[in-house]
Amino acid sequence: VNASRQETKLMEECDQLIEIIQQRRQIIGTKIKEGKVVRLRKLAQQIANCKQCIERSTSLISQAEQSLKENDHARFLQSAKNITERVSMATASSQVLIPEINLNDTFDTFALDFTREKKLLECLDYLTAPNPPTIREELCTASYDTITVHWTSDDEFSVVSYELQYTIFTGQANVVS
């Protein structure tokens, strides 16, 4: 009966750990997907901006080629002034097209380290009570209303306190505290 109860308790505890891990996986997975969507949106906007810049530049190049074919010097000078102004504007606006997103970005903000958790899970075992301490009688004292007990423990657990029970033997009845 005790073994069955322990098996049931073990299964419940493991199921709770698995549920916590699955919840965290879902939450972190959602954050990664949201980050991906944001980055893809930014990249799509950058691509659209670059396409517009290329279209404007292609139009400007076509216009410049047409003005180079112009035989009338006065018309050429008029169109050259217009083209020069457009080239200056295009050059200034092309500085804005510096990529906002590093394409080699590895989602470092989502780096996860499960080393500690893996070690904890690998060490998962039954808890055992610490070994009883060794009473150091030479350091123990007793007075009318105070008893001081000194002990040492070789156990790896950090024992903060022990419950001390004592019995006062009287002639009539024993009193346990």
N, C-alpha and C. Protein backbone atom coordinates (compact mmCIF):
# COMPACT_ATOMS: atom_id res chain seq x y z
N VAL A 1 0.84 -1.19 0.00
CA VAL A 1 0.00 0.00 0.00
C VAL A 1 0.88 1.25 0.00
N ASN A 2 1.91 1.26 0.85
CA ASN A 2 2.80 2.41 0.94
C ASN A 2 3.55 2.61 -0.38
N ALA A 3 3.97 1.50 -1.00
CA ALA A 3 4.68 1.61 -2.27
C ALA A 3 3.77 2.17 -3.36
N SER A 4 2.51 1.70 -3.38
CA SER A 4 1.55 2.21 -4.37
C SER A 4 1.31 3.70 -4.17
N ARG A 5 1.19 4.10 -2.92
CA ARG A 5 0.99 5.51 -2.61
C ARG A 5 2.20 6.33 -3.08
N GLN A 6 3.39 5.81 -2.85
CA GLN A 6 4.60 6.53 -3.28
C GLN A 6 4.68 6.59 -4.81
N GLU A 7 4.31 5.51 -5.49
CA GLU A 7 4.31 5.53 -6.95
C GLU A 7 3.32 6.56 -7.48
N THR A 8 2.14 6.62 -6.88
CA THR A 8 1.13 7.60 -7.29
C THR A 8 1.64 9.02 -7.07
N LYS A 9 2.24 9.24 -5.92
CA LYS A 9 2.77 10.57 -5.62
C LYS A 9 3.89 10.94 -6.60
N LEU A 10 4.74 9.98 -6.91
CA LEU A 10 5.82 10.22 -7.88
C LEU A 10 5.24 10.61 -9.23
N MET A 11 4.24 9.89 -9.69
CA MET A 11 3.62 10.19 -10.98
C MET A 11 2.99 11.58 -10.98
N GLU A 12 2.32 11.93 -9.89
CA GLU A 12 1.70 13.26 -9.80
C GLU A 12 2.75 14.36 -9.85
N GLU A 13 3.82 14.18 -9.11
CA GLU A 13 4.89 15.20 -9.09
C GLU A 13 5.55 15.32 -10.46
N CYS A 14 5.82 14.20 -11.11
CA CYS A 14 6.43 14.23 -12.44
C CYS A 14 5.48 14.87 -13.46
N ASP A 15 4.19 14.55 -13.36
CA ASP A 15 3.21 15.17 -14.25
C ASP A 15 3.17 16.68 -14.06
N GLN A 16 3.28 17.14 -12.83
CA GLN A 16 3.31 18.59 -12.57
C GLN A 16 4.56 19.22 -13.19
N LEU A 17 5.71 18.57 -13.06
CA LEU A 17 6.94 19.09 -13.67
C LEU A 17 6.79 19.16 -15.19
N ILE A 18 6.24 18.11 -15.77
CA ILE A 18 6.06 18.08 -17.23
C ILE A 18 5.10 19.20 -17.66
N GLU A 19 4.04 19.41 -16.90
CA GLU A 19 3.08 20.46 -17.23
C GLU A 19 3.74 21.84 -17.17
N ILE A 20 4.56 22.07 -16.14
CA ILE A 20 5.26 23.35 -16.03
C ILE A 20 6.18 23.55 -17.22
N ILE A 21 6.91 22.52 -17.59
CA ILE A 21 7.83 22.61 -18.73
C ILE A 21 7.06 22.90 -20.01
N GLN A 22 5.94 22.22 -20.21
CA GLN A 22 5.13 22.45 -21.41
C GLN A 22 4.57 23.87 -21.46
N GLN A 23 4.13 24.39 -20.32
CA GLN A 23 3.61 25.77 -20.27
C GLN A 23 4.72 26.75 -20.62
N ARG A 24 5.91 26.56 -20.03
CA ARG A 24 7.03 27.48 -20.30
C ARG A 24 7.45 27.38 -21.77
N ARG A 25 7.45 26.16 -22.32
CA ARG A 25 7.81 25.99 -23.72
C ARG A 25 6.84 26.76 -24.62
N GLN A 26 5.55 26.69 -24.28
CA GLN A 26 4.54 27.39 -25.07
C GLN A 26 4.73 28.91 -24.96
N ILE A 27 4.97 29.41 -23.75
CA ILE A 27 5.14 30.86 -23.55
C ILE A 27 6.37 31.36 -24.30
N ILE A 28 7.48 30.67 -24.14
CA ILE A 28 8.72 31.10 -24.78
C ILE A 28 8.62 30.94 -26.29
N GLY A 29 7.98 29.86 -26.75
CA GLY A 29 7.78 29.67 -28.19
C GLY A 29 6.95 30.80 -28.79
N THR A 30 5.93 31.23 -28.06
CA THR A 30 5.10 32.36 -28.52
C THR A 30 5.93 33.63 -28.62
N LYS A 31 6.79 33.88 -27.64
CA LYS A 31 7.64 35.07 -27.68
C LYS A 31 8.58 35.03 -28.88
N ILE A 32 9.12 33.87 -29.17
CA ILE A 32 10.02 33.74 -30.32
C ILE A 32 9.26 34.00 -31.61
N LYS A 33 8.04 33.43 -31.73
CA LYS A 33 7.23 33.66 -32.93
C LYS A 33 6.88 35.13 -33.09
N GLU A 34 6.55 35.80 -31.98
CA GLU A 34 6.22 37.23 -32.04
C GLU A 34 7.44 38.03 -32.48
N GLY A 35 8.61 37.67 -31.97
CA GLY A 35 9.84 38.34 -32.39
C GLY A 35 10.12 38.14 -33.86
N LYS A 36 9.85 36.93 -34.33
CA LYS A 36 10.05 36.62 -35.75
C LYS A 36 9.11 37.47 -36.62
N VAL A 37 7.84 37.57 -36.21
CA VAL A 37 6.86 38.35 -36.97
C VAL A 37 7.28 39.82 -37.04
N VAL A 38 7.74 40.37 -35.91
CA VAL A 38 8.16 41.78 -35.89
C VAL A 38 9.34 41.98 -36.83
N ARG A 39 10.31 41.08 -36.77
CA ARG A 39 11.48 41.22 -37.64
C ARG A 39 11.12 41.07 -39.12
N LEU A 40 10.24 40.12 -39.42
CA LEU A 40 9.82 39.95 -40.81
C LEU A 40 9.08 41.19 -41.32
N ARG A 41 8.27 41.79 -40.44
CA ARG A 41 7.56 43.01 -40.82
C ARG A 41 8.56 44.14 -41.13
N LYS A 42 9.57 44.28 -40.28
CA LYS A 42 10.58 45.32 -40.50
C LYS A 42 11.35 45.06 -41.80
N LEU A 43 11.69 43.78 -42.01
CA LEU A 43 12.41 43.45 -43.24
C LEU A 43 11.55 43.72 -44.47
N ALA A 44 10.27 43.41 -44.41
CA ALA A 44 9.37 43.67 -45.54
C ALA A 44 9.30 45.17 -45.82
N GLN A 45 9.25 45.98 -44.78
CA GLN A 45 9.23 47.43 -44.96
C GLN A 45 10.53 47.91 -45.59
N GLN A 46 11.65 47.36 -45.13
CA GLN A 46 12.94 47.74 -45.71
C GLN A 46 13.03 47.34 -47.17
N ILE A 47 12.51 46.17 -47.50
CA ILE A 47 12.51 45.72 -48.90
C ILE A 47 11.66 46.65 -49.75
N ALA A 48 10.49 47.04 -49.24
CA ALA A 48 9.61 47.97 -49.98
C ALA A 48 10.32 49.31 -50.19
N ASN A 49 11.00 49.81 -49.15
CA ASN A 49 11.73 51.08 -49.29
C ASN A 49 12.84 50.96 -50.33
N CYS A 50 13.55 49.85 -50.31
CA CYS A 50 14.63 49.64 -51.29
C CYS A 50 14.08 49.55 -52.71
N LYS A 51 12.94 48.87 -52.87
CA LYS A 51 12.32 48.77 -54.20
C LYS A 51 11.93 50.14 -54.72
N GLN A 52 11.35 50.98 -53.84
CA GLN A 52 10.99 52.34 -54.25
C GLN A 52 12.23 53.13 -54.67
N CYS A 53 13.29 52.97 -53.90
CA CYS A 53 14.53 53.67 -54.22
C CYS A 53 15.09 53.21 -55.57
N ILE A 54 15.01 51.91 -55.81
CA ILE A 54 15.50 51.37 -57.09
C ILE A 54 14.65 51.89 -58.24
N GLU A 55 13.32 51.93 -58.05
CA GLU A 55 12.44 52.44 -59.10
C GLU A 55 12.74 53.91 -59.41
N ARG A 56 12.91 54.71 -58.35
CA ARG A 56 13.25 56.12 -58.56
C ARG A 56 14.60 56.26 -59.25
N SER A 57 15.56 55.47 -58.84
CA SER A 57 16.89 55.53 -59.45
C SER A 57 16.84 55.10 -60.91
N THR A 58 16.08 54.07 -61.21
CA THR A 58 15.95 53.61 -62.59
C THR A 58 15.30 54.69 -63.45
N SER A 59 14.27 55.33 -62.90
CA SER A 59 13.62 56.43 -63.63
C SER A 59 14.59 57.58 -63.85
N LEU A 60 15.37 57.88 -62.83
CA LEU A 60 16.35 58.97 -62.93
C LEU A 60 17.43 58.65 -63.96
N ILE A 61 17.88 57.41 -63.98
CA ILE A 61 18.89 57.00 -64.96
C ILE A 61 18.33 57.10 -66.38
N SER A 62 17.08 56.68 -66.57
CA SER A 62 16.44 56.77 -67.90
C SER A 62 16.35 58.22 -68.35
N GLN A 63 15.94 59.08 -67.41
CA GLN A 63 15.83 60.50 -67.74
C GLN A 63 17.20 61.08 -68.07
N ALA A 64 18.23 60.70 -67.34
CA ALA A 64 19.59 61.20 -67.60
C ALA A 64 20.07 60.71 -68.97
N GLU A 65 19.79 59.46 -69.29
CA GLU A 65 20.19 58.94 -70.61
C GLU A 65 19.49 59.69 -71.73
N GLN A 66 18.20 60.01 -71.51
CA GLN A 66 17.45 60.76 -72.52
C GLN A 66 18.03 62.16 -72.69
N SER A 67 18.41 62.79 -71.57
CA SER A 67 18.95 64.15 -71.70
C SER A 67 20.33 64.13 -72.34
N LEU A 68 21.08 63.07 -72.20
CA LEU A 68 22.38 62.97 -72.87
C LEU A 68 22.22 62.90 -74.39
N LYS A 69 21.08 62.42 -74.86
CA LYS A 69 20.82 62.34 -76.29
C LYS A 69 20.33 63.67 -76.87
N GLU A 70 20.08 64.63 -76.01
CA GLU A 70 19.56 65.94 -76.43
C GLU A 70 20.63 66.70 -77.22
N ASN A 71 20.25 67.19 -78.41
CA ASN A 71 21.16 67.95 -79.27
C ASN A 71 21.10 69.44 -79.00
N ASP A 72 19.97 69.91 -78.48
CA ASP A 72 19.80 71.33 -78.19
C ASP A 72 20.48 71.61 -76.86
N HIS A 73 21.51 72.45 -76.88
CA HIS A 73 22.30 72.74 -75.68
C HIS A 73 21.49 73.42 -74.58
N ALA A 74 20.57 74.30 -74.95
CA ALA A 74 19.77 75.00 -73.95
C ALA A 74 18.85 74.01 -73.22
N ARG A 75 18.21 73.13 -73.98
CA ARG A 75 17.36 72.12 -73.35
C ARG A 75 18.19 71.17 -72.48
N PHE A 76 19.37 70.84 -72.98
CA PHE A 76 20.24 69.95 -72.22
C PHE A 76 20.59 70.57 -70.86
N LEU A 77 20.93 71.88 -70.86
CA LEU A 77 21.28 72.54 -69.61
C LEU A 77 20.09 72.61 -68.65
N GLN A 78 18.90 72.85 -69.20
CA GLN A 78 17.71 72.88 -68.36
C GLN A 78 17.43 71.51 -67.74
N SER A 79 17.48 70.47 -68.55
CA SER A 79 17.20 69.13 -68.04
C SER A 79 18.34 68.66 -67.12
N ALA A 80 19.58 69.06 -67.38
CA ALA A 80 20.71 68.67 -66.54
C ALA A 80 20.56 69.25 -65.14
N LYS A 81 20.08 70.51 -65.07
CA LYS A 81 19.88 71.13 -63.75
C LYS A 81 18.83 70.34 -62.96
N ASN A 82 17.72 69.99 -63.62
CA ASN A 82 16.66 69.21 -62.99
C ASN A 82 17.18 67.84 -62.54
N ILE A 83 17.95 67.19 -63.40
CA ILE A 83 18.49 65.87 -63.08
C ILE A 83 19.48 65.97 -61.92
N THR A 84 20.30 66.99 -61.91
CA THR A 84 21.27 67.17 -60.83
C THR A 84 20.55 67.33 -59.49
N GLU A 85 19.49 68.11 -59.47
CA GLU A 85 18.71 68.27 -58.24
C GLU A 85 18.10 66.93 -57.79
N ARG A 86 17.57 66.17 -58.73
CA ARG A 86 16.97 64.87 -58.39
C ARG A 86 18.04 63.88 -57.92
N VAL A 87 19.22 63.93 -58.51
CA VAL A 87 20.32 63.05 -58.08
C VAL A 87 20.72 63.40 -56.65
N SER A 88 20.80 64.70 -56.34
CA SER A 88 21.15 65.13 -54.98
C SER A 88 20.10 64.63 -53.98
N MET A 89 18.83 64.76 -54.33
CA MET A 89 17.76 64.30 -53.44
C MET A 89 17.81 62.78 -53.28
N ALA A 90 18.06 62.07 -54.37
CA ALA A 90 18.11 60.61 -54.31
C ALA A 90 19.30 60.15 -53.48
N THR A 91 20.41 60.84 -53.61
CA THR A 91 21.60 60.49 -52.83
C THR A 91 21.34 60.70 -51.34
N ALA A 92 20.69 61.81 -51.00
CA ALA A 92 20.39 62.10 -49.60
C ALA A 92 19.42 61.07 -49.03
N SER A 93 18.42 60.69 -49.80
CA SER A 93 17.43 59.73 -49.29
C SER A 93 18.00 58.32 -49.21
N SER A 94 19.02 58.03 -50.01
CA SER A 94 19.58 56.67 -49.97
C SER A 94 20.33 56.41 -48.67
N GLN A 95 20.74 57.45 -47.96
CA GLN A 95 21.41 57.27 -46.66
C GLN A 95 20.44 56.72 -45.62
N VAL A 96 19.15 56.94 -45.83
CA VAL A 96 18.13 56.46 -44.91
C VAL A 96 17.98 54.94 -45.02
N LEU A 97 18.44 54.35 -46.09
CA LEU A 97 18.22 52.93 -46.34
C LEU A 97 19.24 52.01 -45.67
N ILE A 98 19.92 52.50 -44.66
CA ILE A 98 20.83 51.64 -43.92
C ILE A 98 19.97 50.60 -43.19
N PRO A 99 20.30 49.33 -43.32
CA PRO A 99 19.44 48.30 -42.72
C PRO A 99 19.28 48.47 -41.21
N GLU A 100 18.04 48.30 -40.76
CA GLU A 100 17.74 48.42 -39.33
C GLU A 100 17.96 47.09 -38.62
N ILE A 101 17.87 46.01 -39.35
CA ILE A 101 17.97 44.69 -38.75
C ILE A 101 19.22 43.99 -39.27
N ASN A 102 19.96 43.41 -38.35
CA ASN A 102 21.12 42.62 -38.73
C ASN A 102 20.61 41.25 -39.16
N LEU A 103 20.85 40.89 -40.40
CA LEU A 103 20.33 39.62 -40.90
C LEU A 103 21.03 38.42 -40.28
N ASN A 104 22.18 38.66 -39.68
CA ASN A 104 22.91 37.57 -39.03
C ASN A 104 22.52 37.44 -37.56
N ASP A 105 21.52 38.20 -37.14
CA ASP A 105 21.06 38.16 -35.76
C ASP A 105 20.59 36.76 -35.42
N THR A 106 20.99 36.26 -34.25
CA THR A 106 20.68 34.88 -33.89
C THR A 106 19.64 34.79 -32.77
N PHE A 107 18.82 35.80 -32.59
CA PHE A 107 17.80 35.82 -31.55
C PHE A 107 18.45 35.62 -30.18
N ASP A 108 19.56 36.32 -29.95
CA ASP A 108 20.28 36.18 -28.68
C ASP A 108 19.42 36.55 -27.49
N THR A 109 18.42 37.39 -27.71
CA THR A 109 17.56 37.76 -26.58
C THR A 109 16.74 36.57 -26.10
N PHE A 110 16.72 35.50 -26.89
CA PHE A 110 15.97 34.31 -26.52
C PHE A 110 16.89 33.15 -26.16
N ALA A 111 18.16 33.44 -25.86
CA ALA A 111 19.09 32.38 -25.49
C ALA A 111 18.66 31.74 -24.18
N LEU A 112 18.64 30.45 -24.15
CA LEU A 112 18.21 29.72 -22.96
C LEU A 112 19.33 28.79 -22.52
N ASP A 113 19.50 28.68 -21.22
CA ASP A 113 20.51 27.79 -20.66
C ASP A 113 19.83 26.90 -19.63
N PHE A 114 19.70 25.64 -19.96
CA PHE A 114 19.02 24.68 -19.08
C PHE A 114 20.01 23.80 -18.32
N THR A 115 21.27 24.18 -18.27
CA THR A 115 22.29 23.37 -17.62
C THR A 115 21.93 23.08 -16.17
N ARG A 116 21.58 24.11 -15.42
CA ARG A 116 21.25 23.95 -14.00
C ARG A 116 20.03 23.05 -13.82
N GLU A 117 19.00 23.27 -14.63
CA GLU A 117 17.78 22.49 -14.51
C GLU A 117 18.03 21.03 -14.86
N LYS A 118 18.87 20.78 -15.88
CA LYS A 118 19.18 19.39 -16.25
C LYS A 118 19.89 18.68 -15.11
N LYS A 119 20.85 19.37 -14.49
CA LYS A 119 21.56 18.76 -13.36
C LYS A 119 20.61 18.45 -12.21
N LEU A 120 19.70 19.39 -11.93
CA LEU A 120 18.73 19.17 -10.86
C LEU A 120 17.84 17.96 -11.17
N LEU A 121 17.39 17.86 -12.41
CA LEU A 121 16.53 16.74 -12.78
C LEU A 121 17.29 15.42 -12.76
N GLU A 122 18.56 15.45 -13.16
CA GLU A 122 19.35 14.22 -13.13
C GLU A 122 19.61 13.76 -11.70
N CYS A 123 19.64 14.68 -10.75
CA CYS A 123 19.89 14.34 -9.35
C CYS A 123 18.59 14.05 -8.59
N LEU A 124 17.47 14.09 -9.28
CA LEU A 124 16.18 13.89 -8.63
C LEU A 124 16.13 12.53 -7.96
N ASP A 125 15.84 12.51 -6.67
CA ASP A 125 15.79 11.27 -5.89
C ASP A 125 14.96 11.52 -4.65
N TYR A 126 14.73 10.47 -3.87
CA TYR A 126 14.02 10.62 -2.62
C TYR A 126 14.82 11.48 -1.66
N LEU A 127 14.12 12.29 -0.89
CA LEU A 127 14.78 13.03 0.17
C LEU A 127 15.07 12.07 1.31
N THR A 128 16.22 12.23 1.90
CA THR A 128 16.54 11.42 3.06
C THR A 128 16.78 12.35 4.24
N ALA A 129 16.40 11.89 5.40
CA ALA A 129 16.59 12.71 6.59
C ALA A 129 18.08 12.81 6.88
N PRO A 130 18.52 13.93 7.41
CA PRO A 130 19.94 14.06 7.73
C PRO A 130 20.32 13.14 8.89
N ASN A 131 21.56 12.78 8.94
CA ASN A 131 22.05 11.96 10.05
C ASN A 131 21.93 12.75 11.34
N PRO A 132 21.67 12.06 12.44
CA PRO A 132 21.57 12.79 13.71
C PRO A 132 22.92 13.41 14.07
N PRO A 133 22.88 14.51 14.78
CA PRO A 133 24.13 15.18 15.12
C PRO A 133 24.88 14.41 16.21
N THR A 134 26.15 14.75 16.35
CA THR A 134 26.96 14.21 17.42
C THR A 134 26.97 15.24 18.54
N ILE A 135 26.45 14.86 19.69
CA ILE A 135 26.38 15.78 20.83
C ILE A 135 27.79 15.93 21.40
N ARG A 136 28.19 17.16 21.61
CA ARG A 136 29.50 17.44 22.21
C ARG A 136 29.27 17.74 23.70
N GLU A 137 29.29 16.67 24.46
CA GLU A 137 28.95 16.76 25.89
C GLU A 137 29.86 17.73 26.64
N GLU A 138 31.10 17.82 26.24
CA GLU A 138 32.03 18.70 26.97
C GLU A 138 31.63 20.17 26.86
N LEU A 139 30.83 20.54 25.84
CA LEU A 139 30.40 21.92 25.66
C LEU A 139 28.97 22.16 26.17
N CYS A 140 28.27 21.12 26.52
CA CYS A 140 26.88 21.24 26.98
C CYS A 140 26.86 21.74 28.42
N THR A 141 25.87 22.57 28.71
CA THR A 141 25.71 23.09 30.07
C THR A 141 24.24 23.02 30.47
N ALA A 142 24.05 23.03 31.78
CA ALA A 142 22.69 23.03 32.31
C ALA A 142 22.68 23.88 33.56
N SER A 143 21.64 24.67 33.72
CA SER A 143 21.45 25.45 34.93
C SER A 143 20.01 25.27 35.37
N TYR A 144 19.55 26.11 36.26
CA TYR A 144 18.21 25.94 36.83
C TYR A 144 17.13 25.90 35.75
N ASP A 145 17.15 26.88 34.79
CA ASP A 145 16.08 26.93 33.80
C ASP A 145 16.60 26.92 32.35
N THR A 146 17.88 26.64 32.15
CA THR A 146 18.45 26.68 30.80
C THR A 146 19.31 25.45 30.56
N ILE A 147 19.13 24.90 29.39
CA ILE A 147 19.99 23.80 28.95
C ILE A 147 20.58 24.23 27.61
N THR A 148 21.89 24.14 27.47
CA THR A 148 22.56 24.46 26.22
C THR A 148 23.19 23.19 25.68
N VAL A 149 22.82 22.86 24.46
CA VAL A 149 23.34 21.64 23.84
C VAL A 149 24.17 22.05 22.63
N HIS A 150 25.38 21.54 22.54
CA HIS A 150 26.25 21.78 21.38
C HIS A 150 26.38 20.49 20.60
N TRP A 151 26.34 20.61 19.28
CA TRP A 151 26.50 19.42 18.46
C TRP A 151 27.25 19.75 17.19
N THR A 152 27.72 18.74 16.52
CA THR A 152 28.33 18.86 15.19
C THR A 152 27.62 17.86 14.29
N SER A 153 27.60 18.19 13.02
CA SER A 153 26.94 17.32 12.05
C SER A 153 27.87 17.14 10.87
N ASP A 154 28.05 15.91 10.48
CA ASP A 154 28.88 15.61 9.31
C ASP A 154 28.05 15.53 8.04
N ASP A 155 26.78 15.81 8.17
CA ASP A 155 25.86 15.70 7.04
C ASP A 155 26.02 16.89 6.11
N GLU A 156 25.71 16.68 4.84
CA GLU A 156 25.79 17.76 3.87
C GLU A 156 24.64 18.76 4.00
N PHE A 157 23.60 18.37 4.68
CA PHE A 157 22.45 19.26 4.86
C PHE A 157 22.77 20.31 5.93
N SER A 158 22.21 21.46 5.76
CA SER A 158 22.40 22.52 6.75
C SER A 158 21.25 22.43 7.73
N VAL A 159 21.51 21.84 8.89
CA VAL A 159 20.47 21.67 9.90
C VAL A 159 20.43 22.91 10.77
N VAL A 160 19.28 23.55 10.81
CA VAL A 160 19.13 24.77 11.59
C VAL A 160 18.77 24.45 13.02
N SER A 161 17.90 23.46 13.20
CA SER A 161 17.49 23.15 14.56
C SER A 161 16.98 21.72 14.65
N TYR A 162 16.98 21.23 15.86
CA TYR A 162 16.40 19.94 16.17
C TYR A 162 15.40 20.15 17.29
N GLU A 163 14.44 19.28 17.37
CA GLU A 163 13.49 19.34 18.48
C GLU A 163 14.10 18.51 19.62
N LEU A 164 14.18 19.10 20.75
CA LEU A 164 14.76 18.43 21.92
C LEU A 164 13.64 18.15 22.91
N GLN A 165 13.46 16.90 23.25
CA GLN A 165 12.46 16.52 24.24
C GLN A 165 13.19 16.04 25.49
N TYR A 166 12.69 16.42 26.60
CA TYR A 166 13.31 15.96 27.84
C TYR A 166 12.22 15.60 28.84
N THR A 167 12.60 14.78 29.78
CA THR A 167 11.66 14.31 30.80
C THR A 167 12.20 14.67 32.17
N ILE A 168 11.34 15.22 32.98
CA ILE A 168 11.70 15.54 34.37
C ILE A 168 11.14 14.42 35.23
N PHE A 169 12.02 13.73 35.90
CA PHE A 169 11.58 12.64 36.78
C PHE A 169 11.29 13.20 38.16
N THR A 170 10.06 13.06 38.58
CA THR A 170 9.66 13.48 39.94
C THR A 170 9.19 12.24 40.67
N GLY A 171 8.96 12.42 41.88
CA GLY A 171 8.52 11.28 42.68
C GLY A 171 7.13 10.80 42.31
N GLN A 172 6.27 11.70 41.84
CA GLN A 172 4.87 11.33 41.60
C GLN A 172 4.59 10.99 40.14
N ALA A 173 4.96 11.92 39.21
CA ALA A 173 4.65 11.71 37.80
C ALA A 173 5.81 12.27 36.96
N ASN A 174 5.94 11.72 35.80
CA ASN A 174 6.97 12.22 34.88
C ASN A 174 6.36 13.32 34.00
N VAL A 175 7.06 14.43 33.87
CA VAL A 175 6.60 15.54 33.04
C VAL A 175 7.47 15.57 31.78
N VAL A 176 6.81 15.55 30.63
CA VAL A 176 7.54 15.59 29.35
C VAL A 176 7.35 16.96 28.73
N SER A 177 8.47 17.56 28.32
CA SER A 177 8.39 18.86 27.67
C SER A 177 8.94 18.73 26.27
